[in-house]
Amino acid sequence: MRSNAGSESEAVFECLAEKRRRDVVAALRGRGAASLRELADSIADPNDRTERVELELHHRHLPKLADAGLAEYDPDDRTIEPSEGTAAADVVARTVEQCGALCPDAEPTRSDRARLE
């Protein structure tokens, strides 16, 4: 039987497996509440349309981060703010990014492969 702490840890790692979610956590670090538009503007790649990023955040990424306790998201007001778990998640996210830089030949994750296709 899996412990509750173990399943919570797995939820955190599952959330942070997506680069876009790691970007959200990094953007929330040391910041107060932000609107969905502000957050999308701050994490969008130069080739991304902000509206597309907003939709992805609203429907896919922010609910998952909120469910894992890594951010507070109000879908009605479309506001995002750090939660108690944001700082710890940021440390984990930066570690994941550093490991990726150290292991450039590592196999891409399922989510990375889907994005590349």
C-alpha atoms as a PDB file:
ATOM      1  CA  MET A   1       0.000   0.000   0.000  1.00  0.00           C
ATOM      2  CA  ARG A   2       1.338   3.431  -0.959  1.00  0.00           C
ATOM      3  CA  SER A   3       1.507   6.125   1.694  1.00  0.00           C
ATOM      4  CA  ASN A   4      -0.259   9.436   1.280  1.00  0.00           C
ATOM      5  CA  ALA A   5       3.111  11.221   1.350  1.00  0.00           C
ATOM      6  CA  GLY A   6       4.353   8.949  -1.435  1.00  0.00           C
ATOM      7  CA  SER A   7       1.363   9.681  -3.640  1.00  0.00           C
ATOM      8  CA  GLU A   8       1.745  13.430  -2.950  1.00  0.00           C
ATOM      9  CA  SER A   9       5.400  13.238  -3.982  1.00  0.00           C
ATOM     10  CA  GLU A  10       4.451  11.423  -7.162  1.00  0.00           C
ATOM     11  CA  ALA A  11       1.866  14.109  -7.951  1.00  0.00           C
ATOM     12  CA  VAL A  12       4.526  16.802  -7.537  1.00  0.00           C
ATOM     13  CA  PHE A  13       6.983  14.999  -9.809  1.00  0.00           C
ATOM     14  CA  GLU A  14       4.260  14.310 -12.369  1.00  0.00           C
ATOM     15  CA  CYS A  15       3.351  18.006 -12.391  1.00  0.00           C
ATOM     16  CA  LEU A  16       6.942  19.127 -12.748  1.00  0.00           C
ATOM     17  CA  ALA A  17       7.633  16.697 -15.594  1.00  0.00           C
ATOM     18  CA  GLU A  18       6.053  19.281 -17.921  1.00  0.00           C
ATOM     19  CA  LYS A  19       8.384  22.170 -18.789  1.00  0.00           C
ATOM     20  CA  ARG A  20       5.505  24.645 -19.019  1.00  0.00           C
ATOM     21  CA  ARG A  21       4.571  23.875 -15.409  1.00  0.00           C
ATOM     22  CA  ARG A  22       8.180  24.300 -14.292  1.00  0.00           C
ATOM     23  CA  ASP A  23       8.112  27.682 -16.032  1.00  0.00           C
ATOM     24  CA  VAL A  24       4.972  28.639 -14.092  1.00  0.00           C
ATOM     25  CA  VAL A  25       6.556  27.673 -10.770  1.00  0.00           C
ATOM     26  CA  ALA A  26       9.681  29.689 -11.615  1.00  0.00           C
ATOM     27  CA  ALA A  27       7.560  32.705 -12.592  1.00  0.00           C
ATOM     28  CA  LEU A  28       5.631  32.526  -9.317  1.00  0.00           C
ATOM     29  CA  ARG A  29       8.810  32.426  -7.240  1.00  0.00           C
ATOM     30  CA  GLY A  30       8.976  35.569  -5.154  1.00  0.00           C
ATOM     31  CA  ARG A  31       5.928  37.085  -6.848  1.00  0.00           C
ATOM     32  CA  GLY A  32       2.475  37.906  -5.607  1.00  0.00           C
ATOM     33  CA  ALA A  33      -0.735  37.261  -7.475  1.00  0.00           C
ATOM     34  CA  ALA A  34      -0.703  37.571 -11.252  1.00  0.00           C
ATOM     35  CA  SER A  35      -3.395  37.559 -13.872  1.00  0.00           C
ATOM     36  CA  LEU A  36      -3.533  34.717 -16.353  1.00  0.00           C
ATOM     37  CA  ARG A  37      -2.497  37.167 -19.107  1.00  0.00           C
ATOM     38  CA  GLU A  38       0.517  38.432 -17.115  1.00  0.00           C
ATOM     39  CA  LEU A  39       1.666  34.899 -16.409  1.00  0.00           C
ATOM     40  CA  ALA A  40       1.208  33.819 -20.037  1.00  0.00           C
ATOM     41  CA  ASP A  41       3.158  36.868 -21.232  1.00  0.00           C
ATOM     42  CA  SER A  42       5.995  36.113 -18.831  1.00  0.00           C
ATOM     43  CA  ILE A  43       6.454  32.451 -19.804  1.00  0.00           C
ATOM     44  CA  ALA A  44       5.524  32.415 -23.502  1.00  0.00           C
ATOM     45  CA  ASP A  45       8.314  31.494 -25.892  1.00  0.00           C
ATOM     46  CA  PRO A  46       8.995  34.034 -28.647  1.00  0.00           C
ATOM     47  CA  ASN A  47       7.223  31.771 -31.169  1.00  0.00           C
ATOM     48  CA  ASP A  48       4.135  31.235 -28.978  1.00  0.00           C
ATOM     49  CA  ARG A  49       0.928  33.215 -29.225  1.00  0.00           C
ATOM     50  CA  THR A  50       0.004  34.507 -25.775  1.00  0.00           C
ATOM     51  CA  GLU A  51      -3.646  33.518 -26.276  1.00  0.00           C
ATOM     52  CA  ARG A  52      -2.628  29.916 -26.943  1.00  0.00           C
ATOM     53  CA  VAL A  53      -0.433  29.865 -23.828  1.00  0.00           C
ATOM     54  CA  GLU A  54      -3.323  31.298 -21.783  1.00  0.00           C
ATOM     55  CA  LEU A  55      -5.634  28.523 -22.968  1.00  0.00           C
ATOM     56  CA  GLU A  56      -3.061  25.827 -22.167  1.00  0.00           C
ATOM     57  CA  LEU A  57      -2.478  27.299 -18.725  1.00  0.00           C
ATOM     58  CA  HIS A  58      -6.175  27.737 -17.931  1.00  0.00           C
ATOM     59  CA  HIS A  59      -7.371  24.318 -19.094  1.00  0.00           C
ATOM     60  CA  ARG A  60      -4.376  22.080 -18.517  1.00  0.00           C
ATOM     61  CA  HIS A  61      -1.473  23.315 -16.441  1.00  0.00           C
ATOM     62  CA  LEU A  62      -2.863  25.571 -13.699  1.00  0.00           C
ATOM     63  CA  PRO A  63      -5.582  23.141 -12.538  1.00  0.00           C
ATOM     64  CA  LYS A  64      -2.977  20.395 -12.252  1.00  0.00           C
ATOM     65  CA  LEU A  65      -0.590  22.647 -10.298  1.00  0.00           C
ATOM     66  CA  ALA A  66      -3.442  23.724  -8.007  1.00  0.00           C
ATOM     67  CA  ASP A  67      -4.547  20.122  -7.426  1.00  0.00           C
ATOM     68  CA  ALA A  68      -0.979  19.228  -6.397  1.00  0.00           C
ATOM     69  CA  GLY A  69      -0.818  22.229  -4.046  1.00  0.00           C
ATOM     70  CA  LEU A  70       1.949  23.922  -6.043  1.00  0.00           C
ATOM     71  CA  ALA A  71      -0.020  27.084  -6.877  1.00  0.00           C
ATOM     72  CA  GLU A  72      -3.324  28.753  -6.062  1.00  0.00           C
ATOM     73  CA  TYR A  73      -5.511  29.291  -9.123  1.00  0.00           C
ATOM     74  CA  ASP A  74      -8.910  30.948  -9.289  1.00  0.00           C
ATOM     75  CA  PRO A  75     -10.344  30.031 -12.700  1.00  0.00           C
ATOM     76  CA  ASP A  76     -13.224  32.489 -12.343  1.00  0.00           C
ATOM     77  CA  ASP A  77     -11.000  35.508 -11.637  1.00  0.00           C
ATOM     78  CA  ARG A  78      -8.173  34.010 -13.703  1.00  0.00           C
ATOM     79  CA  THR A  79      -5.629  34.862 -11.015  1.00  0.00           C
ATOM     80  CA  ILE A  80      -2.652  32.794  -9.930  1.00  0.00           C
ATOM     81  CA  GLU A  81      -0.600  33.123  -6.799  1.00  0.00           C
ATOM     82  CA  PRO A  82       2.073  31.127  -5.036  1.00  0.00           C
ATOM     83  CA  SER A  83       0.978  28.530  -2.507  1.00  0.00           C
ATOM     84  CA  GLU A  84       2.842  27.050   0.431  1.00  0.00           C
ATOM     85  CA  GLY A  85       4.242  24.410  -1.943  1.00  0.00           C
ATOM     86  CA  THR A  86       5.535  26.803  -4.611  1.00  0.00           C
ATOM     87  CA  ALA A  87       8.978  27.427  -3.075  1.00  0.00           C
ATOM     88  CA  ALA A  88       9.692  23.724  -2.573  1.00  0.00           C
ATOM     89  CA  ALA A  89       8.408  22.946  -6.064  1.00  0.00           C
ATOM     90  CA  ASP A  90      10.739  25.588  -7.475  1.00  0.00           C
ATOM     91  CA  VAL A  91      13.742  23.883  -5.868  1.00  0.00           C
ATOM     92  CA  VAL A  92      12.659  20.560  -7.370  1.00  0.00           C
ATOM     93  CA  ALA A  93      11.983  22.172 -10.770  1.00  0.00           C
ATOM     94  CA  ARG A  94      15.418  23.819 -10.877  1.00  0.00           C
ATOM     95  CA  THR A  95      17.010  20.500  -9.942  1.00  0.00           C
ATOM     96  CA  VAL A  96      15.132  18.774 -12.766  1.00  0.00           C
ATOM     97  CA  GLU A  97      16.341  21.454 -15.204  1.00  0.00           C
ATOM     98  CA  GLN A  98      19.947  21.092 -13.988  1.00  0.00           C
ATOM     99  CA  CYS A  99      19.791  17.314 -14.344  1.00  0.00           C
ATOM    100  CA  GLY A 100      18.490  17.722 -17.872  1.00  0.00           C
ATOM    101  CA  ALA A 101      21.438  19.991 -18.683  1.00  0.00           C
ATOM    102  CA  LEU A 102      23.834  17.438 -17.213  1.00  0.00           C
ATOM    103  CA  CYS A 103      22.254  14.544 -19.135  1.00  0.00           C
ATOM    104  CA  PRO A 104      21.650  15.871 -22.655  1.00  0.00           C
ATOM    105  CA  ASP A 105      21.453  12.340 -24.099  1.00  0.00           C
ATOM    106  CA  ALA A 106      18.621  11.289 -21.787  1.00  0.00           C
ATOM    107  CA  GLU A 107      15.433  10.042 -23.384  1.00  0.00           C
ATOM    108  CA  PRO A 108      12.714  12.722 -23.624  1.00  0.00           C
ATOM    109  CA  THR A 109       9.675  12.264 -21.414  1.00  0.00           C
ATOM    110  CA  ARG A 110       6.280  11.314 -22.801  1.00  0.00           C
ATOM    111  CA  SER A 111       5.167  14.936 -22.640  1.00  0.00           C
ATOM    112  CA  ASP A 112       8.319  16.133 -24.408  1.00  0.00           C
ATOM    113  CA  ARG A 113       7.791  13.581 -27.198  1.00  0.00           C
ATOM    114  CA  ALA A 114       4.152  14.652 -27.623  1.00  0.00           C
ATOM    115  CA  ARG A 115       5.196  18.287 -27.900  1.00  0.00           C
ATOM    116  CA  LEU A 116       7.886  17.433 -30.481  1.00  0.00           C
ATOM    117  CA  GLU A 117       5.440  15.556 -32.726  1.00  0.00           C
END
